[in-house]
Amino acid sequence: MVQDDPLDGLLTFQQLQARAQRFADTPTELKLSREITALSSLCLGRSWMTHDPLRIGGLLTDAYKLVQLIAIYPLDDTDRLEELLQDIEYALCAFMRHKPFSCLAEHRIAFRELGLAIGLQAISKMLKLIKQQSKCFRHPNLLIGLLEKLYVYYPVHDIIEKFWLNPKHQSFDAWQEHSDINSVMLATSLHPDGYLQL
């Protein structure tokens, strides 16, 4: 189990549970309350801090899932969202401090950077949804403030995409050895809505 698996599992179960509640004939044995409680306790007090761009992108994607669950279904989990956004801010700040995009293409891992590029595109979507559905969130102004700090990094997705769209950068072993996942991640970053929207 990697560090973010409990969060991914929790959000998936919460999404399934919320969706199932819309159907009156959902059998009781398909309720996921026990699983949600178990994964929720695994997430309790956990730090989501990381220096890995792929994981930062995954956390941003998870945060957007949580925003959608709170706004649409509605799920009462604003505290978890606040903690998650704060950890993402620390992680992004620490990652960018090391000037990661100054390295040559042969020393960079495309799919990890593209994972970040995908996640960064969720920032503007979160801002928009929280502003539209502010009544669904406790402390919406705090969340908007956190997202506005993160928005400073939003243009980085364009830098990553342009770099890896360059055929010259795709000619190195670093791209070729993972060309399948790199191509999928690049395509997802260029058209992220199908992946990001619940």
Protein backbone atom coordinates (compact mmCIF):
# COMPACT_ATOMS: atom_id res chain seq x y z
CA MET A 1 0.00 0.00 0.00
CA VAL A 2 1.39 3.39 -0.98
CA GLN A 3 0.76 6.50 1.09
CA ASP A 4 -2.26 7.80 -0.84
CA ASP A 5 -4.11 4.48 -1.31
CA PRO A 6 -6.40 4.95 1.74
CA LEU A 7 -7.50 8.36 0.41
CA ASP A 8 -8.10 7.02 -3.10
CA GLY A 9 -10.10 4.11 -1.68
CA LEU A 10 -12.09 6.34 0.65
CA LEU A 11 -13.10 8.73 -2.12
CA THR A 12 -14.04 5.86 -4.42
CA PHE A 13 -16.24 4.27 -1.75
CA GLN A 14 -17.80 7.64 -0.90
CA GLN A 15 -18.58 8.22 -4.57
CA LEU A 16 -20.14 4.76 -4.93
CA GLN A 17 -22.16 5.19 -1.73
CA ALA A 18 -23.40 8.65 -2.71
CA ARG A 19 -24.39 7.40 -6.16
CA ALA A 20 -26.16 4.34 -4.74
CA GLN A 21 -28.24 6.52 -2.40
CA ARG A 22 -29.89 8.03 -5.46
CA PHE A 23 -31.49 4.65 -6.18
CA ALA A 24 -34.14 3.64 -3.66
CA ASP A 25 -33.89 -0.05 -4.52
CA THR A 26 -30.17 -0.38 -3.63
CA PRO A 27 -29.84 -3.56 -1.52
CA THR A 28 -28.62 -3.02 2.07
CA GLU A 29 -25.69 -5.40 1.56
CA LEU A 30 -24.30 -2.97 -1.02
CA LYS A 31 -23.95 -0.20 1.56
CA LEU A 32 -20.30 0.72 2.12
CA SER A 33 -20.51 2.39 5.54
CA ARG A 34 -18.16 -0.11 7.22
CA GLU A 35 -15.54 0.21 4.47
CA ILE A 36 -15.82 4.01 4.51
CA THR A 37 -15.33 4.07 8.30
CA ALA A 38 -12.27 1.78 8.04
CA LEU A 39 -10.58 3.84 5.32
CA SER A 40 -11.53 7.10 7.00
CA SER A 41 -9.70 5.98 10.15
CA LEU A 42 -6.64 5.07 8.03
CA CYS A 43 -6.63 8.64 6.67
CA LEU A 44 -6.97 10.26 10.09
CA GLY A 45 -3.99 12.42 11.07
CA ARG A 46 -2.03 11.37 7.99
CA SER A 47 0.27 13.84 6.27
CA TRP A 48 -0.10 13.99 2.48
CA MET A 49 3.20 15.85 2.08
CA THR A 50 5.32 14.55 -0.81
CA HIS A 51 8.08 15.67 -3.21
CA ASP A 52 6.86 13.39 -6.02
CA PRO A 53 5.14 15.33 -8.86
CA LEU A 54 2.95 12.34 -9.79
CA ARG A 55 1.65 12.06 -6.22
CA ILE A 56 1.09 15.84 -5.98
CA GLY A 57 -0.97 15.61 -9.17
CA GLY A 58 -2.88 12.65 -7.71
CA LEU A 59 -3.62 14.61 -4.53
CA LEU A 60 -4.93 17.53 -6.59
CA THR A 61 -7.16 15.10 -8.49
CA ASP A 62 -8.36 13.61 -5.19
CA ALA A 63 -9.07 17.11 -3.83
CA TYR A 64 -11.23 17.86 -6.88
CA LYS A 65 -13.12 14.57 -6.42
CA LEU A 66 -13.78 15.59 -2.83
CA VAL A 67 -14.95 19.08 -3.88
CA GLN A 68 -17.38 17.45 -6.33
CA LEU A 69 -18.63 14.98 -3.70
CA ILE A 70 -19.25 17.82 -1.23
CA ALA A 71 -20.93 20.09 -3.79
CA ILE A 72 -23.01 17.57 -5.72
CA TYR A 73 -24.10 14.78 -3.41
CA PRO A 74 -23.60 16.50 -0.73
CA LEU A 75 -20.93 14.96 1.48
CA ASP A 76 -19.92 16.66 4.74
CA ASP A 77 -16.12 16.43 4.57
CA THR A 78 -14.85 20.01 4.36
CA ASP A 79 -12.28 19.51 7.15
CA ARG A 80 -10.53 16.76 5.17
CA LEU A 81 -10.53 19.02 2.10
CA GLU A 82 -8.91 21.87 4.04
CA GLU A 83 -6.14 19.59 5.38
CA LEU A 84 -5.56 18.11 1.94
CA LEU A 85 -5.25 21.51 0.25
CA GLN A 86 -2.84 22.74 2.93
CA ASP A 87 -0.58 19.68 2.45
CA ILE A 88 -0.74 20.12 -1.34
CA GLU A 89 0.39 23.73 -0.97
CA TYR A 90 3.42 22.71 1.14
CA ALA A 91 4.24 19.89 -1.29
CA LEU A 92 4.01 22.07 -4.41
CA CYS A 93 6.06 24.84 -2.82
CA ALA A 94 8.80 22.38 -1.76
CA PHE A 95 8.80 20.66 -5.17
CA MET A 96 9.06 23.91 -7.16
CA ARG A 97 11.81 25.26 -4.89
CA HIS A 98 14.20 22.70 -6.45
CA LYS A 99 13.64 24.06 -10.00
CA PRO A 100 12.66 20.60 -11.33
CA PHE A 101 12.10 21.73 -14.92
CA SER A 102 15.64 23.03 -15.41
CA CYS A 103 16.94 19.47 -15.99
CA LEU A 104 17.56 18.05 -19.46
CA ALA A 105 14.91 15.74 -20.97
CA GLU A 106 17.06 12.61 -20.51
CA HIS A 107 17.04 13.19 -16.74
CA ARG A 108 13.29 13.74 -16.40
CA ILE A 109 10.42 11.26 -16.04
CA ALA A 110 7.59 12.40 -18.30
CA PHE A 111 4.65 10.48 -16.82
CA ARG A 112 5.42 11.75 -13.32
CA GLU A 113 5.52 15.37 -14.51
CA LEU A 114 2.39 14.86 -16.64
CA GLY A 115 0.57 13.50 -13.59
CA LEU A 116 1.27 16.87 -11.97
CA ALA A 117 0.10 18.70 -15.11
CA ILE A 118 -3.23 16.83 -14.98
CA GLY A 119 -3.74 17.62 -11.30
CA LEU A 120 -2.87 21.31 -11.70
CA GLN A 121 -5.78 21.68 -14.12
CA ALA A 122 -8.17 20.71 -11.32
CA ILE A 123 -7.33 23.92 -9.40
CA SER A 124 -9.45 26.26 -11.55
CA LYS A 125 -12.30 23.71 -11.56
CA MET A 126 -12.25 23.55 -7.74
CA LEU A 127 -12.29 27.34 -7.47
CA LYS A 128 -15.24 27.61 -9.84
CA LEU A 129 -17.30 24.90 -8.13
CA ILE A 130 -16.69 26.20 -4.59
CA LYS A 131 -17.65 29.73 -5.66
CA GLN A 132 -20.82 28.41 -7.36
CA GLN A 133 -21.82 26.09 -4.49
CA SER A 134 -20.35 27.99 -1.53
CA LYS A 135 -23.29 27.03 0.74
CA CYS A 136 -22.24 23.37 0.56
CA PHE A 137 -18.87 24.13 2.18
CA ARG A 138 -17.95 25.19 5.67
CA HIS A 139 -15.42 28.07 5.48
CA PRO A 140 -15.70 28.60 1.69
CA ASN A 141 -13.54 31.73 1.90
CA LEU A 142 -10.72 29.76 3.53
CA LEU A 143 -10.92 27.13 0.75
CA ILE A 144 -10.95 29.82 -1.94
CA GLY A 145 -7.90 31.45 -0.30
CA LEU A 146 -6.02 28.13 -0.28
CA LEU A 147 -6.90 27.49 -3.93
CA GLU A 148 -5.86 30.99 -4.95
CA LYS A 149 -2.43 30.29 -3.45
CA LEU A 150 -2.28 27.05 -5.45
CA TYR A 151 -3.43 28.83 -8.61
CA VAL A 152 -0.01 30.50 -8.82
CA TYR A 153 1.26 27.08 -10.00
CA TYR A 154 -1.54 26.53 -12.54
CA PRO A 155 0.54 27.72 -15.59
CA VAL A 156 3.12 25.00 -14.85
CA HIS A 157 0.83 22.46 -16.57
CA ASP A 158 1.34 24.32 -19.86
CA ILE A 159 5.13 24.34 -19.42
CA ILE A 160 5.14 20.55 -18.83
CA GLU A 161 2.86 19.82 -21.80
CA LYS A 162 4.83 22.01 -24.23
CA PHE A 163 8.09 20.38 -23.13
CA TRP A 164 6.84 16.82 -23.69
CA LEU A 165 4.99 17.63 -26.92
CA ASN A 166 8.37 18.47 -28.45
CA PRO A 167 9.39 15.45 -30.63
CA LYS A 168 13.03 16.07 -29.73
CA HIS A 169 12.28 15.44 -26.03
CA GLN A 170 10.37 12.27 -26.93
CA SER A 171 13.40 10.86 -28.73
CA PHE A 172 15.37 10.18 -25.51
CA ASP A 173 15.42 6.81 -23.71
CA ALA A 174 13.72 8.46 -20.72
CA TRP A 175 10.58 8.90 -22.88
CA GLN A 176 10.93 5.78 -25.04
CA GLU A 177 11.27 3.35 -22.10
CA HIS A 178 7.82 4.39 -20.82
CA SER A 179 6.28 5.55 -24.11
CA ASP A 180 2.89 3.88 -23.49
CA ILE A 181 2.19 5.49 -20.12
CA ASN A 182 3.85 8.75 -21.23
CA SER A 183 1.55 8.98 -24.27
CA VAL A 184 -1.57 8.22 -22.21
CA MET A 185 -0.63 10.78 -19.57
CA LEU A 186 0.15 13.44 -22.20
CA ALA A 187 -3.21 12.83 -23.93
CA THR A 188 -5.01 13.01 -20.56
CA SER A 189 -3.25 16.27 -19.69
CA LEU A 190 -4.27 17.79 -23.02
CA HIS A 191 -7.94 16.76 -22.50
CA PRO A 192 -8.37 16.18 -18.73
CA ASP A 193 -12.12 16.59 -18.26
CA GLY A 194 -13.04 12.96 -18.93
CA TYR A 195 -10.62 11.94 -16.19
CA LEU A 196 -11.24 14.71 -13.66
CA GLN A 197 -15.04 14.93 -13.71
CA LEU A 198 -17.00 12.46 -11.57
